[in-house]
């Protein structure tokens, strides 16, 4: 069977369907050319950080050290340009939850500072204005829209044949407790600073990003059933607002297969019409 080439830009809500722990046979259908997790739209479309950051040390996994490097270098754009995928799956979790912050050189980084602060090089950065749901929603949205427009120009120029699919995942605030055999509230379990209306606000902003991208650029999308999916206390990455029950991953994968099938049929039909077969 011929594999379809894909790239993933976003977070685990999209990347996990290309992980055999969630979808055991995904390699029968897809080949992941490259991916970029936890780098926001505003960050990616800003100028690269050109100073030498040297060897990174700190209480951060190898994976997130690499995320930090790529957040600064914007290398994902080079990956796309050099090896365009047939399909690009994107989600806007990182933008919604973290936002971005400008550095004095003019580049932006994703506002995941709670983790980046653990790295030795973080103290060398000179950070300025933050763009996020928390600080300045209007400025943040306008900056995001302009950055996404730049991304679409990039794709048109360098990856014109790539089909973009927006994964419309959302935050959920319930999980199923197997011992109690009922649903519970995630925020109450975590006893964190989140409130339910914060989650609603995040989802409103997330939906705005989805709608802007899909409607303005006529992109394919995969819907999210907020009533059907919930947090999984036994999730591979732990219980969190975007770590869902297995049904989500099965449905997302099936929806992706359907989009690929439709697009391939459309491509074949165009070829038939062109050559009069």
C-alpha atoms as a PDB file:
ATOM      1  CA  UNK A   1       0.000   0.000   0.000  1.00  0.00           C
ATOM      2  CA  UNK A   2       1.297   3.452  -0.918  1.00  0.00           C
ATOM      3  CA  UNK A   3       1.787   5.713   2.084  1.00  0.00           C
ATOM      4  CA  UNK A   4       0.525   9.294   2.065  1.00  0.00           C
ATOM      5  CA  UNK A   5       3.119  11.831   3.205  1.00  0.00           C
ATOM      6  CA  UNK A   6       2.091  14.128   6.047  1.00  0.00           C
ATOM      7  CA  UNK A   7       3.515  16.792   8.281  1.00  0.00           C
ATOM      8  CA  UNK A   8       2.110  17.882  11.636  1.00  0.00           C
ATOM      9  CA  UNK A   9       2.289  21.364  13.124  1.00  0.00           C
ATOM     10  CA  UNK A  10       0.668  21.860  16.483  1.00  0.00           C
ATOM     11  CA  UNK A  11       0.543  19.569  19.478  1.00  0.00           C
ATOM     12  CA  UNK A  12      -0.188  16.055  20.689  1.00  0.00           C
ATOM     13  CA  UNK A  13      -3.873  16.464  19.781  1.00  0.00           C
ATOM     14  CA  UNK A  14      -2.754  16.004  16.170  1.00  0.00           C
ATOM     15  CA  UNK A  15       0.588  14.217  16.459  1.00  0.00           C
ATOM     16  CA  UNK A  16      -0.647  11.294  18.570  1.00  0.00           C
ATOM     17  CA  UNK A  17      -2.539   9.614  15.729  1.00  0.00           C
ATOM     18  CA  UNK A  18       0.910   9.012  14.231  1.00  0.00           C
ATOM     19  CA  UNK A  19       2.030   7.180  17.344  1.00  0.00           C
ATOM     20  CA  UNK A  20       1.541   3.421  17.497  1.00  0.00           C
ATOM     21  CA  UNK A  21       0.531   3.675  21.157  1.00  0.00           C
ATOM     22  CA  UNK A  22      -2.662   5.340  19.919  1.00  0.00           C
ATOM     23  CA  UNK A  23      -3.084   4.110  16.337  1.00  0.00           C
ATOM     24  CA  UNK A  24      -1.213   0.838  15.962  1.00  0.00           C
ATOM     25  CA  UNK A  25      -1.342   0.570  12.163  1.00  0.00           C
ATOM     26  CA  UNK A  26      -0.936   4.211  11.106  1.00  0.00           C
ATOM     27  CA  UNK A  27       2.217   3.394   9.101  1.00  0.00           C
ATOM     28  CA  UNK A  28       0.132   1.312   6.723  1.00  0.00           C
ATOM     29  CA  UNK A  29      -1.368   4.574   5.505  1.00  0.00           C
ATOM     30  CA  UNK A  30       0.913   7.491   6.381  1.00  0.00           C
ATOM     31  CA  UNK A  31       4.548   8.527   6.374  1.00  0.00           C
ATOM     32  CA  UNK A  32       5.378  11.463   8.650  1.00  0.00           C
ATOM     33  CA  UNK A  33       7.961  13.579   6.839  1.00  0.00           C
ATOM     34  CA  UNK A  34       8.461  16.038   9.687  1.00  0.00           C
ATOM     35  CA  UNK A  35       6.573  17.659  12.513  1.00  0.00           C
ATOM     36  CA  UNK A  36       6.733  20.672  14.769  1.00  0.00           C
ATOM     37  CA  UNK A  37       5.147  20.689  18.189  1.00  0.00           C
ATOM     38  CA  UNK A  38       4.555  23.577  20.573  1.00  0.00           C
ATOM     39  CA  UNK A  39       5.715  26.401  18.318  1.00  0.00           C
ATOM     40  CA  UNK A  40       3.098  29.098  17.844  1.00  0.00           C
ATOM     41  CA  UNK A  41       2.079  30.715  14.559  1.00  0.00           C
ATOM     42  CA  UNK A  42       3.398  34.120  15.629  1.00  0.00           C
ATOM     43  CA  UNK A  43       6.746  32.624  16.616  1.00  0.00           C
ATOM     44  CA  UNK A  44       7.197  30.536  13.478  1.00  0.00           C
ATOM     45  CA  UNK A  45       6.523  33.441  11.141  1.00  0.00           C
ATOM     46  CA  UNK A  46       8.875  35.860  12.875  1.00  0.00           C
ATOM     47  CA  UNK A  47      12.557  36.300  12.029  1.00  0.00           C
ATOM     48  CA  UNK A  48      14.951  33.539  13.145  1.00  0.00           C
ATOM     49  CA  UNK A  49      17.093  34.041  16.233  1.00  0.00           C
ATOM     50  CA  UNK A  50      20.658  34.026  14.904  1.00  0.00           C
ATOM     51  CA  UNK A  51      22.774  34.159  18.060  1.00  0.00           C
ATOM     52  CA  UNK A  52      24.655  31.001  19.023  1.00  0.00           C
ATOM     53  CA  UNK A  53      22.873  29.388  21.961  1.00  0.00           C
ATOM     54  CA  UNK A  54      25.517  26.704  22.499  1.00  0.00           C
ATOM     55  CA  UNK A  55      24.795  23.465  24.331  1.00  0.00           C
ATOM     56  CA  UNK A  56      21.548  23.497  26.271  1.00  0.00           C
ATOM     57  CA  UNK A  57      21.465  22.241  29.835  1.00  0.00           C
ATOM     58  CA  UNK A  58      18.733  22.222  32.446  1.00  0.00           C
ATOM     59  CA  UNK A  59      15.960  20.086  33.861  1.00  0.00           C
ATOM     60  CA  UNK A  60      14.188  19.698  30.512  1.00  0.00           C
ATOM     61  CA  UNK A  61      13.802  16.611  28.331  1.00  0.00           C
ATOM     62  CA  UNK A  62      15.761  16.205  25.118  1.00  0.00           C
ATOM     63  CA  UNK A  63      12.500  16.612  23.216  1.00  0.00           C
ATOM     64  CA  UNK A  64      11.764  20.037  24.695  1.00  0.00           C
ATOM     65  CA  UNK A  65      15.344  21.203  24.315  1.00  0.00           C
ATOM     66  CA  UNK A  66      14.855  20.544  20.619  1.00  0.00           C
ATOM     67  CA  UNK A  67      11.509  22.380  20.688  1.00  0.00           C
ATOM     68  CA  UNK A  68      13.262  25.424  22.195  1.00  0.00           C
ATOM     69  CA  UNK A  69      15.971  25.360  19.516  1.00  0.00           C
ATOM     70  CA  UNK A  70      13.425  25.082  16.723  1.00  0.00           C
ATOM     71  CA  UNK A  71      11.247  27.743  18.322  1.00  0.00           C
ATOM     72  CA  UNK A  72      14.188  30.126  17.940  1.00  0.00           C
ATOM     73  CA  UNK A  73      15.493  28.921  14.563  1.00  0.00           C
ATOM     74  CA  UNK A  74      12.107  28.575  12.766  1.00  0.00           C
ATOM     75  CA  UNK A  75      13.586  25.472  11.115  1.00  0.00           C
ATOM     76  CA  UNK A  76      10.176  23.970  10.446  1.00  0.00           C
ATOM     77  CA  UNK A  77       9.710  26.357   7.516  1.00  0.00           C
ATOM     78  CA  UNK A  78      12.896  24.986   5.982  1.00  0.00           C
ATOM     79  CA  UNK A  79      11.615  21.428   6.481  1.00  0.00           C
ATOM     80  CA  UNK A  80       8.392  22.240   4.647  1.00  0.00           C
ATOM     81  CA  UNK A  81      10.152  24.062   1.825  1.00  0.00           C
ATOM     82  CA  UNK A  82      12.730  21.324   1.216  1.00  0.00           C
ATOM     83  CA  UNK A  83      10.280  18.426   1.483  1.00  0.00           C
ATOM     84  CA  UNK A  84       6.638  19.468   0.980  1.00  0.00           C
ATOM     85  CA  UNK A  85       4.122  16.912   2.284  1.00  0.00           C
ATOM     86  CA  UNK A  86       0.950  15.879   0.529  1.00  0.00           C
ATOM     87  CA  UNK A  87      -1.021  16.869   3.617  1.00  0.00           C
ATOM     88  CA  UNK A  88      -0.273  19.190   6.531  1.00  0.00           C
ATOM     89  CA  UNK A  89      -2.303  18.767   9.725  1.00  0.00           C
ATOM     90  CA  UNK A  90      -2.383  21.830  11.961  1.00  0.00           C
ATOM     91  CA  UNK A  91      -3.970  22.661  15.300  1.00  0.00           C
ATOM     92  CA  UNK A  92      -3.908  25.872  17.281  1.00  0.00           C
ATOM     93  CA  UNK A  93      -3.603  24.547  20.835  1.00  0.00           C
ATOM     94  CA  UNK A  94      -0.172  26.105  21.334  1.00  0.00           C
ATOM     95  CA  UNK A  95      -1.330  29.517  20.138  1.00  0.00           C
ATOM     96  CA  UNK A  96      -4.437  29.438  22.319  1.00  0.00           C
ATOM     97  CA  UNK A  97      -2.868  28.149  25.517  1.00  0.00           C
ATOM     98  CA  UNK A  98       0.506  29.903  25.422  1.00  0.00           C
ATOM     99  CA  UNK A  99       0.616  32.762  22.943  1.00  0.00           C
ATOM    100  CA  UNK A 100       3.934  34.393  22.080  1.00  0.00           C
ATOM    101  CA  UNK A 101       6.434  36.916  23.423  1.00  0.00           C
ATOM    102  CA  UNK A 102       8.829  39.170  21.515  1.00  0.00           C
ATOM    103  CA  UNK A 103      12.602  39.128  22.089  1.00  0.00           C
ATOM    104  CA  UNK A 104      14.734  42.264  21.684  1.00  0.00           C
ATOM    105  CA  UNK A 105      16.216  40.974  18.407  1.00  0.00           C
ATOM    106  CA  UNK A 106      12.716  41.120  16.900  1.00  0.00           C
ATOM    107  CA  UNK A 107      12.084  37.398  16.879  1.00  0.00           C
ATOM    108  CA  UNK A 108       9.192  35.881  18.810  1.00  0.00           C
ATOM    109  CA  UNK A 109       9.193  32.728  20.870  1.00  0.00           C
ATOM    110  CA  UNK A 110       6.280  30.691  22.117  1.00  0.00           C
ATOM    111  CA  UNK A 111       5.250  31.857  25.561  1.00  0.00           C
ATOM    112  CA  UNK A 112       6.035  28.509  27.176  1.00  0.00           C
ATOM    113  CA  UNK A 113       8.288  30.254  29.642  1.00  0.00           C
ATOM    114  CA  UNK A 114       7.506  27.991  32.603  1.00  0.00           C
ATOM    115  CA  UNK A 115       9.533  25.315  30.834  1.00  0.00           C
ATOM    116  CA  UNK A 116      12.041  27.443  28.954  1.00  0.00           C
ATOM    117  CA  UNK A 117      13.117  29.063  32.247  1.00  0.00           C
ATOM    118  CA  UNK A 118      14.691  25.749  33.236  1.00  0.00           C
ATOM    119  CA  UNK A 119      17.231  26.039  30.398  1.00  0.00           C
ATOM    120  CA  UNK A 120      20.623  27.633  30.924  1.00  0.00           C
ATOM    121  CA  UNK A 121      20.303  29.903  27.883  1.00  0.00           C
ATOM    122  CA  UNK A 122      16.974  31.416  28.869  1.00  0.00           C
ATOM    123  CA  UNK A 123      18.639  34.147  30.952  1.00  0.00           C
ATOM    124  CA  UNK A 124      20.335  35.429  27.781  1.00  0.00           C
ATOM    125  CA  UNK A 125      16.993  36.287  26.178  1.00  0.00           C
ATOM    126  CA  UNK A 126      15.619  39.800  26.564  1.00  0.00           C
ATOM    127  CA  UNK A 127      11.880  39.395  26.408  1.00  0.00           C
ATOM    128  CA  UNK A 128       9.369  42.154  25.859  1.00  0.00           C
ATOM    129  CA  UNK A 129       5.655  42.316  25.047  1.00  0.00           C
ATOM    130  CA  UNK A 130       3.546  39.228  25.459  1.00  0.00           C
ATOM    131  CA  UNK A 131       0.706  38.392  23.083  1.00  0.00           C
ATOM    132  CA  UNK A 132      -1.799  35.999  24.657  1.00  0.00           C
ATOM    133  CA  UNK A 133      -5.356  35.360  25.779  1.00  0.00           C
ATOM    134  CA  UNK A 134      -4.292  36.408  29.269  1.00  0.00           C
ATOM    135  CA  UNK A 135      -2.731  39.794  28.485  1.00  0.00           C
ATOM    136  CA  UNK A 136      -4.207  41.432  25.392  1.00  0.00           C
ATOM    137  CA  UNK A 137      -6.720  39.326  23.493  1.00  0.00           C
ATOM    138  CA  UNK A 138      -7.431  41.908  20.767  1.00  0.00           C
ATOM    139  CA  UNK A 139      -3.768  42.658  19.932  1.00  0.00           C
ATOM    140  CA  UNK A 140      -3.013  38.958  20.165  1.00  0.00           C
ATOM    141  CA  UNK A 141      -5.745  37.982  17.697  1.00  0.00           C
ATOM    142  CA  UNK A 142      -4.722  40.664  15.202  1.00  0.00           C
ATOM    143  CA  UNK A 143      -1.069  39.652  15.435  1.00  0.00           C
ATOM    144  CA  UNK A 144      -2.013  35.985  15.016  1.00  0.00           C
ATOM    145  CA  UNK A 145      -4.143  36.663  11.934  1.00  0.00           C
ATOM    146  CA  UNK A 146      -1.347  38.614  10.255  1.00  0.00           C
ATOM    147  CA  UNK A 147       1.135  35.855  11.044  1.00  0.00           C
ATOM    148  CA  UNK A 148      -1.152  33.136   9.719  1.00  0.00           C
ATOM    149  CA  UNK A 149      -1.623  35.127   6.521  1.00  0.00           C
ATOM    150  CA  UNK A 150       2.156  35.159   6.140  1.00  0.00           C
ATOM    151  CA  UNK A 151       2.231  31.411   6.650  1.00  0.00           C
ATOM    152  CA  UNK A 152      -0.334  30.878   3.912  1.00  0.00           C
ATOM    153  CA  UNK A 153       1.734  33.045   1.550  1.00  0.00           C
ATOM    154  CA  UNK A 154       4.719  30.864   2.378  1.00  0.00           C
ATOM    155  CA  UNK A 155       2.740  27.711   1.629  1.00  0.00           C
ATOM    156  CA  UNK A 156       1.454  29.103  -1.656  1.00  0.00           C
ATOM    157  CA  UNK A 157       4.987  29.971  -2.765  1.00  0.00           C
ATOM    158  CA  UNK A 158       6.823  26.884  -1.528  1.00  0.00           C
ATOM    159  CA  UNK A 159       4.272  24.102  -1.007  1.00  0.00           C
ATOM    160  CA  UNK A 160       1.462  24.875  -3.464  1.00  0.00           C
ATOM    161  CA  UNK A 161       0.355  21.241  -3.784  1.00  0.00           C
ATOM    162  CA  UNK A 162       0.156  20.585  -0.035  1.00  0.00           C
ATOM    163  CA  UNK A 163      -3.375  20.240   1.320  1.00  0.00           C
ATOM    164  CA  UNK A 164      -3.808  21.802   4.751  1.00  0.00           C
ATOM    165  CA  UNK A 165      -6.184  20.218   7.273  1.00  0.00           C
ATOM    166  CA  UNK A 166      -7.203  22.091  10.423  1.00  0.00           C
ATOM    167  CA  UNK A 167      -7.794  19.854  13.440  1.00  0.00           C
ATOM    168  CA  UNK A 168     -10.491  21.619  15.469  1.00  0.00           C
ATOM    169  CA  UNK A 169      -9.674  19.994  18.810  1.00  0.00           C
ATOM    170  CA  UNK A 170     -10.734  21.787  22.019  1.00  0.00           C
ATOM    171  CA  UNK A 171     -10.198  21.821  25.771  1.00  0.00           C
ATOM    172  CA  UNK A 172     -12.400  19.502  27.808  1.00  0.00           C
ATOM    173  CA  UNK A 173     -13.056  19.777  31.517  1.00  0.00           C
ATOM    174  CA  UNK A 174     -14.269  16.319  32.471  1.00  0.00           C
ATOM    175  CA  UNK A 175     -12.691  12.911  32.833  1.00  0.00           C
ATOM    176  CA  UNK A 176     -14.041   9.432  33.466  1.00  0.00           C
ATOM    177  CA  UNK A 177     -13.130   7.885  36.803  1.00  0.00           C
ATOM    178  CA  UNK A 178     -13.165   4.117  36.347  1.00  0.00           C
ATOM    179  CA  UNK A 179     -13.274   3.322  40.063  1.00  0.00           C
ATOM    180  CA  UNK A 180     -16.150   5.699  40.798  1.00  0.00           C
ATOM    181  CA  UNK A 181     -17.799   4.921  37.439  1.00  0.00           C
ATOM    182  CA  UNK A 182     -18.696   8.563  36.781  1.00  0.00           C
ATOM    183  CA  UNK A 183     -17.371  11.829  35.341  1.00  0.00           C
ATOM    184  CA  UNK A 184     -15.461  14.375  37.402  1.00  0.00           C
ATOM    185  CA  UNK A 185     -14.208  17.911  36.839  1.00  0.00           C
ATOM    186  CA  UNK A 186     -10.523  18.134  35.854  1.00  0.00           C
ATOM    187  CA  UNK A 187     -10.000  21.622  37.325  1.00  0.00           C
ATOM    188  CA  UNK A 188     -11.252  20.522  40.744  1.00  0.00           C
ATOM    189  CA  UNK A 189      -9.016  17.452  40.650  1.00  0.00           C
ATOM    190  CA  UNK A 190      -5.920  19.473  39.784  1.00  0.00           C
ATOM    191  CA  UNK A 191      -6.739  22.255  42.255  1.00  0.00           C
ATOM    192  CA  UNK A 192      -4.949  24.657  39.921  1.00  0.00           C
ATOM    193  CA  UNK A 193      -5.640  28.274  39.042  1.00  0.00           C
ATOM    194  CA  UNK A 194      -7.946  27.412  36.159  1.00  0.00           C
ATOM    195  CA  UNK A 195     -11.651  28.132  36.287  1.00  0.00           C
ATOM    196  CA  UNK A 196     -14.268  26.698  33.989  1.00  0.00           C
ATOM    197  CA  UNK A 197     -14.901  30.073  32.341  1.00  0.00           C
ATOM    198  CA  UNK A 198     -11.200  30.197  31.428  1.00  0.00           C
ATOM    199  CA  UNK A 199     -11.599  26.980  29.472  1.00  0.00           C
ATOM    200  CA  UNK A 200     -14.664  28.414  27.753  1.00  0.00           C
ATOM    201  CA  UNK A 201     -12.684  31.521  26.880  1.00  0.00           C
ATOM    202  CA  UNK A 202      -9.799  29.474  25.509  1.00  0.00           C
ATOM    203  CA  UNK A 203     -12.188  27.471  23.365  1.00  0.00           C
ATOM    204  CA  UNK A 204     -13.783  30.647  22.004  1.00  0.00           C
ATOM    205  CA  UNK A 205     -10.365  31.953  20.929  1.00  0.00           C
ATOM    206  CA  UNK A 206      -9.385  28.537  19.554  1.00  0.00           C
ATOM    207  CA  UNK A 207     -12.582  28.415  17.528  1.00  0.00           C
ATOM    208  CA  UNK A 208     -11.889  31.905  16.207  1.00  0.00           C
ATOM    209  CA  UNK A 209      -8.463  30.791  14.943  1.00  0.00           C
ATOM    210  CA  UNK A 210      -9.996  27.690  13.348  1.00  0.00           C
ATOM    211  CA  UNK A 211     -12.746  29.666  11.660  1.00  0.00           C
ATOM    212  CA  UNK A 212     -10.401  32.353  10.345  1.00  0.00           C
ATOM    213  CA  UNK A 213      -8.039  29.808   8.774  1.00  0.00           C
ATOM    214  CA  UNK A 214     -10.759  27.541   7.366  1.00  0.00           C
ATOM    215  CA  UNK A 215     -13.097  30.191   6.002  1.00  0.00           C
ATOM    216  CA  UNK A 216     -10.540  32.625   4.605  1.00  0.00           C
ATOM    217  CA  UNK A 217      -8.435  29.981   2.889  1.00  0.00           C
ATOM    218  CA  UNK A 218     -11.075  27.306   2.263  1.00  0.00           C
ATOM    219  CA  UNK A 219      -9.131  24.650   4.143  1.00  0.00           C
ATOM    220  CA  UNK A 220     -10.185  21.127   4.993  1.00  0.00           C
ATOM    221  CA  UNK A 221     -11.030  20.582   8.647  1.00  0.00           C
ATOM    222  CA  UNK A 222     -11.894  17.894  11.169  1.00  0.00           C
ATOM    223  CA  UNK A 223     -14.574  18.728  13.749  1.00  0.00           C
ATOM    224  CA  UNK A 224     -14.464  18.026  17.469  1.00  0.00           C
ATOM    225  CA  UNK A 225     -17.440  16.721  19.440  1.00  0.00           C
ATOM    226  CA  UNK A 226     -17.173  18.376  22.851  1.00  0.00           C
ATOM    227  CA  UNK A 227     -19.874  16.033  24.224  1.00  0.00           C
ATOM    228  CA  UNK A 228     -18.239  12.855  22.957  1.00  0.00           C
ATOM    229  CA  UNK A 229     -14.637  13.270  24.121  1.00  0.00           C
ATOM    230  CA  UNK A 230     -13.256  13.618  27.622  1.00  0.00           C
ATOM    231  CA  UNK A 231     -10.038  13.423  29.597  1.00  0.00           C
ATOM    232  CA  UNK A 232      -8.449  10.048  30.236  1.00  0.00           C
ATOM    233  CA  UNK A 233      -6.877   9.514  33.655  1.00  0.00           C
ATOM    234  CA  UNK A 234      -4.823   6.665  32.163  1.00  0.00           C
ATOM    235  CA  UNK A 235      -3.610   8.667  29.170  1.00  0.00           C
ATOM    236  CA  UNK A 236      -0.053   8.051  27.993  1.00  0.00           C
ATOM    237  CA  UNK A 237       0.881  11.679  28.806  1.00  0.00           C
ATOM    238  CA  UNK A 238      -1.215  11.976  31.966  1.00  0.00           C
ATOM    239  CA  UNK A 239      -4.576  13.568  32.690  1.00  0.00           C
ATOM    240  CA  UNK A 240      -4.915  16.979  31.039  1.00  0.00           C
ATOM    241  CA  UNK A 241      -7.487  19.121  29.254  1.00  0.00           C
ATOM    242  CA  UNK A 242      -6.369  17.947  25.784  1.00  0.00           C
ATOM    243  CA  UNK A 243      -5.446  14.333  26.594  1.00  0.00           C
ATOM    244  CA  UNK A 244      -8.547  12.511  25.438  1.00  0.00           C
ATOM    245  CA  UNK A 245     -10.181   9.097  25.573  1.00  0.00           C
ATOM    246  CA  UNK A 246      -9.166   6.654  22.833  1.00  0.00           C
ATOM    247  CA  UNK A 247     -12.350   7.246  20.834  1.00  0.00           C
ATOM    248  CA  UNK A 248     -11.039  10.693  19.894  1.00  0.00           C
ATOM    249  CA  UNK A 249      -7.897   9.301  18.255  1.00  0.00           C
ATOM    250  CA  UNK A 250      -9.826   6.598  16.425  1.00  0.00           C
ATOM    251  CA  UNK A 251     -12.297   9.168  15.082  1.00  0.00           C
ATOM    252  CA  UNK A 252      -9.587  11.658  14.120  1.00  0.00           C
ATOM    253  CA  UNK A 253      -7.669   9.012  12.214  1.00  0.00           C
ATOM    254  CA  UNK A 254     -10.799   7.834  10.408  1.00  0.00           C
ATOM    255  CA  UNK A 255     -11.710  11.415   9.475  1.00  0.00           C
ATOM    256  CA  UNK A 256      -8.217  12.000   8.114  1.00  0.00           C
ATOM    257  CA  UNK A 257      -8.426   8.862   5.980  1.00  0.00           C
ATOM    258  CA  UNK A 258     -11.721  10.077   4.524  1.00  0.00           C
ATOM    259  CA  UNK A 259     -10.282  13.492   3.618  1.00  0.00           C
ATOM    260  CA  UNK A 260      -7.274  11.888   1.948  1.00  0.00           C
ATOM    261  CA  UNK A 261      -9.548   9.545  -0.008  1.00  0.00           C
ATOM    262  CA  UNK A 262     -11.755  12.421  -1.193  1.00  0.00           C
ATOM    263  CA  UNK A 263      -8.778  14.548  -2.179  1.00  0.00           C
ATOM    264  CA  UNK A 264      -7.198  11.667  -4.088  1.00  0.00           C
ATOM    265  CA  UNK A 265     -10.453  10.989  -5.919  1.00  0.00           C
ATOM    266  CA  UNK A 266     -10.688  14.662  -6.838  1.00  0.00           C
ATOM    267  CA  UNK A 267      -7.109  14.618  -8.114  1.00  0.00           C
ATOM    268  CA  UNK A 268      -7.812  11.553 -10.219  1.00  0.00           C
ATOM    269  CA  UNK A 269     -10.930  13.143 -11.664  1.00  0.00           C
ATOM    270  CA  UNK A 270      -8.973  16.229 -12.695  1.00  0.00           C
ATOM    271  CA  UNK A 271      -6.424  14.042 -14.459  1.00  0.00           C
ATOM    272  CA  UNK A 272      -9.190  12.182 -16.312  1.00  0.00           C
ATOM    273  CA  UNK A 273     -10.788  15.456 -17.397  1.00  0.00           C
ATOM    274  CA  UNK A 274      -7.439  16.896 -18.500  1.00  0.00           C
ATOM    275  CA  UNK A 275      -6.553  13.988 -20.740  1.00  0.00           C
ATOM    276  CA  UNK A 276     -10.094  13.121 -21.774  1.00  0.00           C
ATOM    277  CA  UNK A 277      -9.865   9.556 -20.527  1.00  0.00           C
END
